[in-house]
């Protein structure tokens, strides 16, 4: 099993949360607890979830992103976007599912720019 690691930092008025490792059924409760804690601690309402270093994700991980995080961020009247670079290990079919409900960008800078424009126009 791949070691699971998180990194969180702020860039502008946006929280970036990087996940390193696997997002699978057996570790989703740990991921949920950590990410929900990060969201509660922050006064910033916009989040970028960087999946660049996720080495594998199953349908449970996809569901977790869509349901738990999207609902939590929206309840704060915020936005969440994903960073999934081209050529990552994420299967195209999984990216397509995620793109139906969340904005997906290839870089953190693209995601941050998008969130700033949404904040200005919203």
PDB file of N, CA and C in Angstrom:
ATOM      1  N   UNK A   1       0.834  -1.180   0.000  1.00  0.00           N
ATOM      2  CA  UNK A   1       0.000   0.000   0.000  1.00  0.00           C
ATOM      3  C   UNK A   1       0.882   1.247   0.000  1.00  0.00           C
ATOM      4  N   UNK A   2       0.499   2.206  -0.795  1.00  0.00           N
ATOM      5  CA  UNK A   2       1.240   3.452  -0.913  1.00  0.00           C
ATOM      6  C   UNK A   2       1.037   4.304   0.340  1.00  0.00           C
ATOM      7  N   UNK A   3       2.095   4.959   0.772  1.00  0.00           N
ATOM      8  CA  UNK A   3       2.029   5.873   1.914  1.00  0.00           C
ATOM      9  C   UNK A   3       1.118   7.040   1.552  1.00  0.00           C
ATOM     10  N   UNK A   4       0.240   7.426   2.474  1.00  0.00           N
ATOM     11  CA  UNK A   4      -0.691   8.526   2.248  1.00  0.00           C
ATOM     12  C   UNK A   4      -0.150   9.774   2.923  1.00  0.00           C
ATOM     13  N   UNK A   5      -0.093  10.865   2.160  1.00  0.00           N
ATOM     14  CA  UNK A   5       0.439  12.114   2.688  1.00  0.00           C
ATOM     15  C   UNK A   5      -0.391  13.279   2.167  1.00  0.00           C
ATOM     16  N   UNK A   6      -0.530  14.297   2.992  1.00  0.00           N
ATOM     17  CA  UNK A   6      -1.267  15.506   2.633  1.00  0.00           C
ATOM     18  C   UNK A   6      -0.349  16.716   2.767  1.00  0.00           C
ATOM     19  N   UNK A   7      -0.561  17.687   1.912  1.00  0.00           N
ATOM     20  CA  UNK A   7       0.088  18.984   2.063  1.00  0.00           C
ATOM     21  C   UNK A   7      -0.976  20.041   1.843  1.00  0.00           C
ATOM     22  N   UNK A   8      -0.953  21.072   2.666  1.00  0.00           N
ATOM     23  CA  UNK A   8      -1.925  22.161   2.522  1.00  0.00           C
ATOM     24  C   UNK A   8      -1.182  23.487   2.595  1.00  0.00           C
ATOM     25  N   UNK A   9      -1.550  24.385   1.699  1.00  0.00           N
ATOM     26  CA  UNK A   9      -0.995  25.729   1.744  1.00  0.00           C
ATOM     27  C   UNK A   9      -1.991  26.682   1.104  1.00  0.00           C
ATOM     28  N   UNK A  10      -1.772  27.960   1.324  1.00  0.00           N
ATOM     29  CA  UNK A  10      -2.636  28.989   0.749  1.00  0.00           C
ATOM     30  C   UNK A  10      -1.877  29.711  -0.350  1.00  0.00           C
ATOM     31  N   UNK A  11      -2.593  30.028  -1.414  1.00  0.00           N
ATOM     32  CA  UNK A  11      -2.046  30.849  -2.480  1.00  0.00           C
ATOM     33  C   UNK A  11      -3.121  31.869  -2.834  1.00  0.00           C
ATOM     34  N   UNK A  12      -2.841  33.113  -2.545  1.00  0.00           N
ATOM     35  CA  UNK A  12      -3.871  34.123  -2.735  1.00  0.00           C
ATOM     36  C   UNK A  12      -4.982  33.876  -1.732  1.00  0.00           C
ATOM     37  N   UNK A  13      -6.197  33.856  -2.204  1.00  0.00           N
ATOM     38  CA  UNK A  13      -7.342  33.608  -1.339  1.00  0.00           C
ATOM     39  C   UNK A  13      -7.894  32.203  -1.579  1.00  0.00           C
ATOM     40  N   UNK A  14      -6.984  31.240  -1.790  1.00  0.00           N
ATOM     41  CA  UNK A  14      -7.369  29.878  -2.143  1.00  0.00           C
ATOM     42  C   UNK A  14      -6.547  28.889  -1.317  1.00  0.00           C
ATOM     43  N   UNK A  15      -7.194  27.868  -0.785  1.00  0.00           N
ATOM     44  CA  UNK A  15      -6.506  26.765  -0.118  1.00  0.00           C
ATOM     45  C   UNK A  15      -6.165  25.707  -1.156  1.00  0.00           C
ATOM     46  N   UNK A  16      -4.946  25.226  -1.120  1.00  0.00           N
ATOM     47  CA  UNK A  16      -4.538  24.114  -1.980  1.00  0.00           C
ATOM     48  C   UNK A  16      -4.282  22.918  -1.067  1.00  0.00           C
ATOM     49  N   UNK A  17      -4.939  21.807  -1.365  1.00  0.00           N
ATOM     50  CA  UNK A  17      -4.711  20.573  -0.629  1.00  0.00           C
ATOM     51  C   UNK A  17      -4.206  19.540  -1.621  1.00  0.00           C
ATOM     52  N   UNK A  18      -2.992  19.065  -1.383  1.00  0.00           N
ATOM     53  CA  UNK A  18      -2.397  18.038  -2.230  1.00  0.00           C
ATOM     54  C   UNK A  18      -2.541  16.688  -1.530  1.00  0.00           C
ATOM     55  N   UNK A  19      -2.945  15.700  -2.289  1.00  0.00           N
ATOM     56  CA  UNK A  19      -2.994  14.338  -1.767  1.00  0.00           C
ATOM     57  C   UNK A  19      -1.932  13.535  -2.500  1.00  0.00           C
ATOM     58  N   UNK A  20      -1.129  12.818  -1.736  1.00  0.00           N
ATOM     59  CA  UNK A  20      -0.082  11.963  -2.282  1.00  0.00           C
ATOM     60  C   UNK A  20      -0.404  10.530  -1.855  1.00  0.00           C
ATOM     61  N   UNK A  21      -0.490   9.615  -2.806  1.00  0.00           N
ATOM     62  CA  UNK A  21      -0.735   8.218  -2.460  1.00  0.00           C
ATOM     63  C   UNK A  21      -1.977   7.671  -3.138  1.00  0.00           C
ATOM     64  N   UNK A  22      -2.708   6.847  -2.403  1.00  0.00           N
ATOM     65  CA  UNK A  22      -3.883   6.178  -2.945  1.00  0.00           C
ATOM     66  C   UNK A  22      -5.163   6.699  -2.306  1.00  0.00           C
ATOM     67  N   UNK A  23      -6.204   6.823  -3.112  1.00  0.00           N
ATOM     68  CA  UNK A  23      -7.540   7.159  -2.602  1.00  0.00           C
ATOM     69  C   UNK A  23      -8.424   5.947  -2.850  1.00  0.00           C
ATOM     70  N   UNK A  24      -8.388   5.038  -1.888  1.00  0.00           N
ATOM     71  CA  UNK A  24      -9.113   3.777  -2.013  1.00  0.00           C
ATOM     72  C   UNK A  24     -10.040   3.604  -0.819  1.00  0.00           C
ATOM     73  N   UNK A  25     -10.981   2.685  -0.939  1.00  0.00           N
ATOM     74  CA  UNK A  25     -11.969   2.447   0.105  1.00  0.00           C
ATOM     75  C   UNK A  25     -11.324   2.288   1.478  1.00  0.00           C
ATOM     76  N   UNK A  26     -10.197   1.580   1.554  1.00  0.00           N
ATOM     77  CA  UNK A  26      -9.604   1.285   2.862  1.00  0.00           C
ATOM     78  C   UNK A  26      -8.975   2.496   3.557  1.00  0.00           C
ATOM     79  N   UNK A  27      -8.786   3.610   2.874  1.00  0.00           N
ATOM     80  CA  UNK A  27      -8.212   4.775   3.553  1.00  0.00           C
ATOM     81  C   UNK A  27      -9.067   6.040   3.428  1.00  0.00           C
ATOM     82  N   UNK A  28     -10.281   5.912   2.912  1.00  0.00           N
ATOM     83  CA  UNK A  28     -11.121   7.107   2.730  1.00  0.00           C
ATOM     84  C   UNK A  28     -11.537   7.746   4.049  1.00  0.00           C
ATOM     85  N   UNK A  29     -11.721   6.960   5.103  1.00  0.00           N
ATOM     86  CA  UNK A  29     -12.114   7.577   6.376  1.00  0.00           C
ATOM     87  C   UNK A  29     -10.988   8.478   6.895  1.00  0.00           C
ATOM     88  N   UNK A  30      -9.741   8.063   6.712  1.00  0.00           N
ATOM     89  CA  UNK A  30      -8.601   8.892   7.110  1.00  0.00           C
ATOM     90  C   UNK A  30      -8.549  10.170   6.266  1.00  0.00           C
ATOM     91  N   UNK A  31      -8.757  10.019   4.965  1.00  0.00           N
ATOM     92  CA  UNK A  31      -8.751  11.178   4.069  1.00  0.00           C
ATOM     93  C   UNK A  31      -9.890  12.130   4.432  1.00  0.00           C
ATOM     94  N   UNK A  32     -11.080  11.574   4.637  1.00  0.00           N
ATOM     95  CA  UNK A  32     -12.250  12.402   4.974  1.00  0.00           C
ATOM     96  C   UNK A  32     -11.983  13.200   6.254  1.00  0.00           C
ATOM     97  N   UNK A  33     -11.501  12.529   7.283  1.00  0.00           N
ATOM     98  CA  UNK A  33     -11.260  13.193   8.567  1.00  0.00           C
ATOM     99  C   UNK A  33     -10.249  14.327   8.408  1.00  0.00           C
ATOM    100  N   UNK A  34      -9.193  14.077   7.698  1.00  0.00           N
ATOM    101  CA  UNK A  34      -8.138  15.084   7.524  1.00  0.00           C
ATOM    102  C   UNK A  34      -8.635  16.269   6.701  1.00  0.00           C
ATOM    103  N   UNK A  35      -9.287  15.985   5.571  1.00  0.00           N
ATOM    104  CA  UNK A  35      -9.719  17.090   4.703  1.00  0.00           C
ATOM    105  C   UNK A  35     -10.836  17.900   5.329  1.00  0.00           C
ATOM    106  N   UNK A  36     -11.767  17.236   5.990  1.00  0.00           N
ATOM    107  CA  UNK A  36     -12.851  17.980   6.626  1.00  0.00           C
ATOM    108  C   UNK A  36     -12.290  18.860   7.744  1.00  0.00           C
ATOM    109  N   UNK A  37     -11.282  18.364   8.457  1.00  0.00           N
ATOM    110  CA  UNK A  37     -10.628  19.171   9.483  1.00  0.00           C
ATOM    111  C   UNK A  37      -9.951  20.388   8.884  1.00  0.00           C
ATOM    112  N   UNK A  38      -9.267  20.191   7.757  1.00  0.00           N
ATOM    113  CA  UNK A  38      -8.604  21.316   7.074  1.00  0.00           C
ATOM    114  C   UNK A  38      -9.626  22.358   6.649  1.00  0.00           C
ATOM    115  N   UNK A  39     -10.762  21.914   6.158  1.00  0.00           N
ATOM    116  CA  UNK A  39     -11.795  22.850   5.709  1.00  0.00           C
ATOM    117  C   UNK A  39     -12.392  23.620   6.878  1.00  0.00           C
ATOM    118  N   UNK A  40     -12.630  22.949   7.983  1.00  0.00           N
ATOM    119  CA  UNK A  40     -13.218  23.621   9.143  1.00  0.00           C
ATOM    120  C   UNK A  40     -12.270  24.652   9.737  1.00  0.00           C
ATOM    121  N   UNK A  41     -10.966  24.368   9.708  1.00  0.00           N
ATOM    122  CA  UNK A  41      -9.971  25.277  10.287  1.00  0.00           C
ATOM    123  C   UNK A  41      -9.777  26.543   9.463  1.00  0.00           C
ATOM    124  N   UNK A  42     -10.098  26.491   8.207  1.00  0.00           N
ATOM    125  CA  UNK A  42      -9.784  27.599   7.309  1.00  0.00           C
ATOM    126  C   UNK A  42     -10.931  28.592   7.194  1.00  0.00           C
ATOM    127  N   UNK A  43     -10.560  29.865   7.116  1.00  0.00           N
ATOM    128  CA  UNK A  43     -11.544  30.912   6.842  1.00  0.00           C
ATOM    129  C   UNK A  43     -11.735  31.111   5.343  1.00  0.00           C
ATOM    130  N   UNK A  44     -10.845  30.516   4.560  1.00  0.00           N
ATOM    131  CA  UNK A  44     -10.919  30.633   3.108  1.00  0.00           C
ATOM    132  C   UNK A  44     -11.927  29.618   2.603  1.00  0.00           C
ATOM    133  N   UNK A  45     -12.798  30.051   1.695  1.00  0.00           N
ATOM    134  CA  UNK A  45     -13.880  29.162   1.260  1.00  0.00           C
ATOM    135  C   UNK A  45     -13.622  28.452  -0.063  1.00  0.00           C
ATOM    136  N   UNK A  46     -12.570  28.838  -0.785  1.00  0.00           N
ATOM    137  CA  UNK A  46     -12.268  28.211  -2.072  1.00  0.00           C
ATOM    138  C   UNK A  46     -11.104  27.237  -1.942  1.00  0.00           C
ATOM    139  N   UNK A  47     -11.268  26.074  -2.561  1.00  0.00           N
ATOM    140  CA  UNK A  47     -10.274  25.014  -2.440  1.00  0.00           C
ATOM    141  C   UNK A  47      -9.877  24.470  -3.796  1.00  0.00           C
ATOM    142  N   UNK A  48      -8.587  24.144  -3.889  1.00  0.00           N
ATOM    143  CA  UNK A  48      -8.066  23.370  -5.011  1.00  0.00           C
ATOM    144  C   UNK A  48      -7.636  22.035  -4.433  1.00  0.00           C
ATOM    145  N   UNK A  49      -8.157  20.963  -4.971  1.00  0.00           N
ATOM    146  CA  UNK A  49      -7.733  19.628  -4.568  1.00  0.00           C
ATOM    147  C   UNK A  49      -6.806  19.116  -5.658  1.00  0.00           C
ATOM    148  N   UNK A  50      -5.533  19.030  -5.316  1.00  0.00           N
ATOM    149  CA  UNK A  50      -4.505  18.635  -6.280  1.00  0.00           C
ATOM    150  C   UNK A  50      -4.320  17.120  -6.220  1.00  0.00           C
ATOM    151  N   UNK A  51      -4.706  16.449  -7.304  1.00  0.00           N
ATOM    152  CA  UNK A  51      -4.594  14.997  -7.392  1.00  0.00           C
ATOM    153  C   UNK A  51      -3.403  14.565  -8.244  1.00  0.00           C
ATOM    154  N   UNK A  52      -2.477  15.480  -8.479  1.00  0.00           N
ATOM    155  CA  UNK A  52      -1.317  15.186  -9.326  1.00  0.00           C
ATOM    156  C   UNK A  52      -0.499  14.008  -8.817  1.00  0.00           C
ATOM    157  N   UNK A  53      -0.463  13.823  -7.515  1.00  0.00           N
ATOM    158  CA  UNK A  53       0.366  12.773  -6.919  1.00  0.00           C
ATOM    159  C   UNK A  53      -0.433  11.607  -6.369  1.00  0.00           C
ATOM    160  N   UNK A  54      -1.679  11.486  -6.814  1.00  0.00           N
ATOM    161  CA  UNK A  54      -2.479  10.312  -6.448  1.00  0.00           C
ATOM    162  C   UNK A  54      -2.069   9.195  -7.401  1.00  0.00           C
ATOM    163  N   UNK A  55      -1.597   8.083  -6.828  1.00  0.00           N
ATOM    164  CA  UNK A  55      -1.097   6.992  -7.668  1.00  0.00           C
ATOM    165  C   UNK A  55      -2.195   6.015  -8.067  1.00  0.00           C
ATOM    166  N   UNK A  56      -3.284   5.986  -7.305  1.00  0.00           N
ATOM    167  CA  UNK A  56      -4.446   5.194  -7.716  1.00  0.00           C
ATOM    168  C   UNK A  56      -5.676   5.695  -6.979  1.00  0.00           C
ATOM    169  N   UNK A  57      -6.799   5.551  -7.655  1.00  0.00           N
ATOM    170  CA  UNK A  57      -8.077   5.980  -7.093  1.00  0.00           C
ATOM    171  C   UNK A  57      -9.132   5.015  -7.605  1.00  0.00           C
ATOM    172  N   UNK A  58     -10.041   4.599  -6.712  1.00  0.00           N
ATOM    173  CA  UNK A  58     -11.109   3.706  -7.144  1.00  0.00           C
ATOM    174  C   UNK A  58     -12.427   4.475  -7.167  1.00  0.00           C
ATOM    175  N   UNK A  59     -13.496   3.783  -7.498  1.00  0.00           N
ATOM    176  CA  UNK A  59     -14.802   4.453  -7.608  1.00  0.00           C
ATOM    177  C   UNK A  59     -15.232   5.051  -6.275  1.00  0.00           C
ATOM    178  N   UNK A  60     -14.800   4.475  -5.164  1.00  0.00           N
ATOM    179  CA  UNK A  60     -15.115   5.041  -3.849  1.00  0.00           C
ATOM    180  C   UNK A  60     -14.418   6.385  -3.673  1.00  0.00           C
ATOM    181  N   UNK A  61     -13.182   6.491  -4.153  1.00  0.00           N
ATOM    182  CA  UNK A  61     -12.456   7.758  -4.082  1.00  0.00           C
ATOM    183  C   UNK A  61     -13.115   8.832  -4.927  1.00  0.00           C
ATOM    184  N   UNK A  62     -13.569   8.436  -6.113  1.00  0.00           N
ATOM    185  CA  UNK A  62     -14.287   9.366  -6.992  1.00  0.00           C
ATOM    186  C   UNK A  62     -15.570   9.847  -6.305  1.00  0.00           C
ATOM    187  N   UNK A  63     -16.324   8.912  -5.753  1.00  0.00           N
ATOM    188  CA  UNK A  63     -17.567   9.267  -5.051  1.00  0.00           C
ATOM    189  C   UNK A  63     -17.305  10.178  -3.872  1.00  0.00           C
ATOM    190  N   UNK A  64     -16.232   9.917  -3.151  1.00  0.00           N
ATOM    191  CA  UNK A  64     -15.863  10.750  -2.010  1.00  0.00           C
ATOM    192  C   UNK A  64     -15.623  12.190  -2.448  1.00  0.00           C
ATOM    193  N   UNK A  65     -14.871  12.366  -3.507  1.00  0.00           N
ATOM    194  CA  UNK A  65     -14.579  13.713  -4.002  1.00  0.00           C
ATOM    195  C   UNK A  65     -15.873  14.420  -4.387  1.00  0.00           C
ATOM    196  N   UNK A  66     -16.683  13.733  -5.138  1.00  0.00           N
ATOM    197  CA  UNK A  66     -17.898  14.348  -5.653  1.00  0.00           C
ATOM    198  C   UNK A  66     -18.878  14.691  -4.535  1.00  0.00           C
ATOM    199  N   UNK A  67     -19.162  13.750  -3.684  1.00  0.00           N
ATOM    200  CA  UNK A  67     -20.208  13.958  -2.682  1.00  0.00           C
ATOM    201  C   UNK A  67     -19.715  14.746  -1.462  1.00  0.00           C
ATOM    202  N   UNK A  68     -18.757  14.218  -0.762  1.00  0.00           N
ATOM    203  CA  UNK A  68     -18.347  14.806   0.508  1.00  0.00           C
ATOM    204  C   UNK A  68     -17.738  16.186   0.332  1.00  0.00           C
ATOM    205  N   UNK A  69     -16.739  16.286  -0.517  1.00  0.00           N
ATOM    206  CA  UNK A  69     -16.049  17.562  -0.640  1.00  0.00           C
ATOM    207  C   UNK A  69     -16.902  18.614  -1.333  1.00  0.00           C
ATOM    208  N   UNK A  70     -17.560  18.240  -2.397  1.00  0.00           N
ATOM    209  CA  UNK A  70     -18.371  19.215  -3.126  1.00  0.00           C
ATOM    210  C   UNK A  70     -19.486  19.764  -2.228  1.00  0.00           C
ATOM    211  N   UNK A  71     -20.165  18.878  -1.502  1.00  0.00           N
ATOM    212  CA  UNK A  71     -21.248  19.310  -0.614  1.00  0.00           C
ATOM    213  C   UNK A  71     -20.694  20.193   0.501  1.00  0.00           C
ATOM    214  N   UNK A  72     -19.567  19.795   1.090  1.00  0.00           N
ATOM    215  CA  UNK A  72     -18.982  20.575   2.185  1.00  0.00           C
ATOM    216  C   UNK A  72     -18.546  21.961   1.736  1.00  0.00           C
ATOM    217  N   UNK A  73     -17.911  22.034   0.597  1.00  0.00           N
ATOM    218  CA  UNK A  73     -17.444  23.333   0.095  1.00  0.00           C
ATOM    219  C   UNK A  73     -18.635  24.204  -0.300  1.00  0.00           C
ATOM    220  N   UNK A  74     -19.605  23.618  -0.947  1.00  0.00           N
ATOM    221  CA  UNK A  74     -20.789  24.406  -1.351  1.00  0.00           C
ATOM    222  C   UNK A  74     -21.556  24.916  -0.140  1.00  0.00           C
ATOM    223  N   UNK A  75     -21.601  24.127   0.958  1.00  0.00           N
ATOM    224  CA  UNK A  75     -22.316  24.591   2.150  1.00  0.00           C
ATOM    225  C   UNK A  75     -21.639  25.822   2.749  1.00  0.00           C
ATOM    226  N   UNK A  76     -20.376  26.015   2.447  1.00  0.00           N
ATOM    227  CA  UNK A  76     -19.630  27.207   2.888  1.00  0.00           C
ATOM    228  C   UNK A  76     -19.745  28.340   1.877  1.00  0.00           C
ATOM    229  N   UNK A  77     -20.523  28.118   0.826  1.00  0.00           N
ATOM    230  CA  UNK A  77     -20.662  29.070  -0.276  1.00  0.00           C
ATOM    231  C   UNK A  77     -19.319  29.303  -0.969  1.00  0.00           C
ATOM    232  N   UNK A  78     -18.563  28.219  -1.079  1.00  0.00           N
ATOM    233  CA  UNK A  78     -17.270  28.282  -1.736  1.00  0.00           C
ATOM    234  C   UNK A  78     -17.265  27.451  -3.006  1.00  0.00           C
ATOM    235  N   UNK A  79     -16.096  27.318  -3.577  1.00  0.00           N
ATOM    236  CA  UNK A  79     -15.907  26.530  -4.789  1.00  0.00           C
ATOM    237  C   UNK A  79     -14.726  25.594  -4.592  1.00  0.00           C
ATOM    238  N   UNK A  80     -14.778  24.472  -5.298  1.00  0.00           N
ATOM    239  CA  UNK A  80     -13.665  23.546  -5.301  1.00  0.00           C
ATOM    240  C   UNK A  80     -13.397  23.125  -6.730  1.00  0.00           C
ATOM    241  N   UNK A  81     -12.140  23.114  -7.102  1.00  0.00           N
ATOM    242  CA  UNK A  81     -11.731  22.624  -8.409  1.00  0.00           C
ATOM    243  C   UNK A  81     -10.634  21.590  -8.198  1.00  0.00           C
ATOM    244  N   UNK A  82     -10.421  20.783  -9.218  1.00  0.00           N
ATOM    245  CA  UNK A  82      -9.417  19.732  -9.152  1.00  0.00           C
ATOM    246  C   UNK A  82      -8.257  20.052 -10.068  1.00  0.00           C
ATOM    247  N   UNK A  83      -7.072  19.578  -9.686  1.00  0.00           N
ATOM    248  CA  UNK A  83      -5.909  19.620 -10.562  1.00  0.00           C
ATOM    249  C   UNK A  83      -5.547  18.176 -10.886  1.00  0.00           C
ATOM    250  N   UNK A  84      -5.653  17.860 -12.164  1.00  0.00           N
ATOM    251  CA  UNK A  84      -5.271  16.545 -12.669  1.00  0.00           C
ATOM    252  C   UNK A  84      -4.500  16.793 -13.958  1.00  0.00           C
ATOM    253  N   UNK A  85      -3.175  16.698 -13.915  1.00  0.00           N
ATOM    254  CA  UNK A  85      -2.394  16.975 -15.117  1.00  0.00           C
ATOM    255  C   UNK A  85      -2.562  15.892 -16.173  1.00  0.00           C
ATOM    256  N   UNK A  86      -2.435  16.298 -17.441  1.00  0.00           N
ATOM    257  CA  UNK A  86      -2.446  15.308 -18.518  1.00  0.00           C
ATOM    258  C   UNK A  86      -1.302  14.340 -18.295  1.00  0.00           C
ATOM    259  N   UNK A  87      -1.547  13.079 -18.620  1.00  0.00           N
ATOM    260  CA  UNK A  87      -0.505  12.081 -18.468  1.00  0.00           C
ATOM    261  C   UNK A  87      -0.385  11.534 -17.060  1.00  0.00           C
ATOM    262  N   UNK A  88      -1.291  11.958 -16.159  1.00  0.00           N
ATOM    263  CA  UNK A  88      -1.243  11.415 -14.804  1.00  0.00           C
ATOM    264  C   UNK A  88      -1.757   9.982 -14.829  1.00  0.00           C
ATOM    265  N   UNK A  89      -1.639   9.299 -13.712  1.00  0.00           N
ATOM    266  CA  UNK A  89      -2.084   7.908 -13.652  1.00  0.00           C
ATOM    267  C   UNK A  89      -3.602   7.789 -13.618  1.00  0.00           C
ATOM    268  N   UNK A  90      -4.275   8.915 -13.455  1.00  0.00           N
ATOM    269  CA  UNK A  90      -5.729   8.897 -13.417  1.00  0.00           C
ATOM    270  C   UNK A  90      -6.266   8.435 -14.772  1.00  0.00           C
ATOM    271  N   UNK A  91      -7.090   7.407 -14.741  1.00  0.00           N
ATOM    272  CA  UNK A  91      -7.664   6.901 -15.987  1.00  0.00           C
ATOM    273  C   UNK A  91      -8.598   7.947 -16.599  1.00  0.00           C
ATOM    274  N   UNK A  92      -8.589   8.015 -17.901  1.00  0.00           N
ATOM    275  CA  UNK A  92      -9.404   9.001 -18.617  1.00  0.00           C
ATOM    276  C   UNK A  92     -10.873   8.884 -18.214  1.00  0.00           C
ATOM    277  N   UNK A  93     -11.383   7.694 -18.060  1.00  0.00           N
ATOM    278  CA  UNK A  93     -12.797   7.509 -17.713  1.00  0.00           C
ATOM    279  C   UNK A  93     -13.124   8.133 -16.364  1.00  0.00           C
ATOM    280  N   UNK A  94     -12.190   8.068 -15.413  1.00  0.00           N
ATOM    281  CA  UNK A  94     -12.421   8.668 -14.097  1.00  0.00           C
ATOM    282  C   UNK A  94     -12.371  10.188 -14.173  1.00  0.00           C
ATOM    283  N   UNK A  95     -11.491  10.725 -14.989  1.00  0.00           N
ATOM    284  CA  UNK A  95     -11.415  12.173 -15.158  1.00  0.00           C
ATOM    285  C   UNK A  95     -12.710  12.684 -15.786  1.00  0.00           C
ATOM    286  N   UNK A  96     -13.230  11.957 -16.758  1.00  0.00           N
ATOM    287  CA  UNK A  96     -14.475  12.356 -17.418  1.00  0.00           C
ATOM    288  C   UNK A  96     -15.622  12.418 -16.418  1.00  0.00           C
ATOM    289  N   UNK A  97     -15.709  11.445 -15.523  1.00  0.00           N
ATOM    290  CA  UNK A  97     -16.752  11.442 -14.487  1.00  0.00           C
ATOM    291  C   UNK A  97     -16.605  12.674 -13.603  1.00  0.00           C
ATOM    292  N   UNK A  98     -15.394  12.966 -13.173  1.00  0.00           N
ATOM    293  CA  UNK A  98     -15.163  14.124 -12.315  1.00  0.00           C
ATOM    294  C   UNK A  98     -15.471  15.438 -13.033  1.00  0.00           C
ATOM    295  N   UNK A  99     -15.133  15.519 -14.321  1.00  0.00           N
ATOM    296  CA  UNK A  99     -15.367  16.751 -15.081  1.00  0.00           C
ATOM    297  C   UNK A  99     -16.847  17.068 -15.241  1.00  0.00           C
ATOM    298  N   UNK A 100     -17.696  16.078 -15.079  1.00  0.00           N
ATOM    299  CA  UNK A 100     -19.136  16.320 -15.204  1.00  0.00           C
ATOM    300  C   UNK A 100     -19.685  17.129 -14.040  1.00  0.00           C
ATOM    301  N   UNK A 101     -19.006  17.079 -12.885  1.00  0.00           N
ATOM    302  CA  UNK A 101     -19.526  17.773 -11.712  1.00  0.00           C
ATOM    303  C   UNK A 101     -18.583  18.826 -11.134  1.00  0.00           C
ATOM    304  N   UNK A 102     -17.319  18.783 -11.501  1.00  0.00           N
ATOM    305  CA  UNK A 102     -16.341  19.738 -10.982  1.00  0.00           C
ATOM    306  C   UNK A 102     -15.445  20.232 -12.112  1.00  0.00           C
ATOM    307  N   UNK A 103     -14.927  21.418 -11.956  1.00  0.00           N
ATOM    308  CA  UNK A 103     -13.958  21.929 -12.919  1.00  0.00           C
ATOM    309  C   UNK A 103     -12.628  21.216 -12.683  1.00  0.00           C
ATOM    310  N   UNK A 104     -12.002  20.786 -13.759  1.00  0.00           N
ATOM    311  CA  UNK A 104     -10.712  20.115 -13.684  1.00  0.00           C
ATOM    312  C   UNK A 104      -9.699  20.937 -14.482  1.00  0.00           C
ATOM    313  N   UNK A 105      -8.556  21.209 -13.864  1.00  0.00           N
ATOM    314  CA  UNK A 105      -7.487  21.974 -14.497  1.00  0.00           C
ATOM    315  C   UNK A 105      -6.205  21.159 -14.480  1.00  0.00           C
ATOM    316  N   UNK A 106      -5.279  21.520 -15.355  1.00  0.00           N
ATOM    317  CA  UNK A 106      -4.015  20.790 -15.435  1.00  0.00           C
ATOM    318  C   UNK A 106      -2.964  21.305 -14.465  1.00  0.00           C
ATOM    319  N   UNK A 107      -3.082  22.558 -14.030  1.00  0.00           N
ATOM    320  CA  UNK A 107      -2.090  23.124 -13.114  1.00  0.00           C
ATOM    321  C   UNK A 107      -2.781  23.862 -11.970  1.00  0.00           C
ATOM    322  N   UNK A 108      -2.051  24.026 -10.891  1.00  0.00           N
ATOM    323  CA  UNK A 108      -2.572  24.780  -9.750  1.00  0.00           C
ATOM    324  C   UNK A 108      -2.793  26.236 -10.146  1.00  0.00           C
ATOM    325  N   UNK A 109      -1.905  26.790 -10.931  1.00  0.00           N
ATOM    326  CA  UNK A 109      -2.045  28.191 -11.348  1.00  0.00           C
ATOM    327  C   UNK A 109      -3.310  28.390 -12.183  1.00  0.00           C
ATOM    328  N   UNK A 110      -3.606  27.479 -13.107  1.00  0.00           N
ATOM    329  CA  UNK A 110      -4.847  27.572 -13.892  1.00  0.00           C
ATOM    330  C   UNK A 110      -6.067  27.476 -12.985  1.00  0.00           C
ATOM    331  N   UNK A 111      -6.018  26.577 -12.020  1.00  0.00           N
ATOM    332  CA  UNK A 111      -7.138  26.405 -11.091  1.00  0.00           C
ATOM    333  C   UNK A 111      -7.331  27.654 -10.234  1.00  0.00           C
ATOM    334  N   UNK A 112      -6.243  28.229  -9.765  1.00  0.00           N
ATOM    335  CA  UNK A 112      -6.314  29.439  -8.942  1.00  0.00           C
ATOM    336  C   UNK A 112      -6.894  30.607  -9.738  1.00  0.00           C
ATOM    337  N   UNK A 113      -6.417  30.771 -10.977  1.00  0.00           N
ATOM    338  CA  UNK A 113      -6.951  31.844 -11.830  1.00  0.00           C
ATOM    339  C   UNK A 113      -8.457  31.669 -12.036  1.00  0.00           C
ATOM    340  N   UNK A 114      -8.894  30.445 -12.264  1.00  0.00           N
ATOM    341  CA  UNK A 114     -10.316  30.178 -12.459  1.00  0.00           C
ATOM    342  C   UNK A 114     -11.102  30.583 -11.195  1.00  0.00           C
ATOM    343  N   UNK A 115     -10.636  30.157 -10.035  1.00  0.00           N
ATOM    344  CA  UNK A 115     -11.352  30.483  -8.795  1.00  0.00           C
ATOM    345  C   UNK A 115     -11.403  31.980  -8.558  1.00  0.00           C
ATOM    346  N   UNK A 116     -10.352  32.690  -8.894  1.00  0.00           N
ATOM    347  CA  UNK A 116     -10.362  34.143  -8.731  1.00  0.00           C
ATOM    348  C   UNK A 116     -11.378  34.804  -9.644  1.00  0.00           C
ATOM    349  N   UNK A 117     -11.537  34.300 -10.876  1.00  0.00           N
ATOM    350  CA  UNK A 117     -12.534  34.876 -11.783  1.00  0.00           C
ATOM    351  C   UNK A 117     -13.952  34.544 -11.324  1.00  0.00           C
ATOM    352  N   UNK A 118     -14.149  33.356 -10.773  1.00  0.00           N
ATOM    353  CA  UNK A 118     -15.472  32.980 -10.261  1.00  0.00           C
ATOM    354  C   UNK A 118     -15.830  33.861  -9.083  1.00  0.00           C
ATOM    355  N   UNK A 119     -14.863  34.119  -8.202  1.00  0.00           N
ATOM    356  CA  UNK A 119     -15.088  34.944  -7.022  1.00  0.00           C
ATOM    357  C   UNK A 119     -15.440  36.370  -7.416  1.00  0.00           C
ATOM    358  N   UNK A 120     -14.768  36.897  -8.422  1.00  0.00           N
ATOM    359  CA  UNK A 120     -15.021  38.278  -8.878  1.00  0.00           C
ATOM    360  C   UNK A 120     -16.399  38.376  -9.537  1.00  0.00           C
ATOM    361  N   UNK A 121     -16.744  37.392 -10.361  1.00  0.00           N
ATOM    362  CA  UNK A 121     -18.018  37.462 -11.072  1.00  0.00           C
ATOM    363  C   UNK A 121     -19.184  36.969 -10.242  1.00  0.00           C
ATOM    364  N   UNK A 122     -18.894  36.155  -9.203  1.00  0.00           N
ATOM    365  CA  UNK A 122     -19.957  35.550  -8.406  1.00  0.00           C
ATOM    366  C   UNK A 122     -20.396  36.435  -7.338  1.00  0.00           C
TER     367      UNK A 122
END
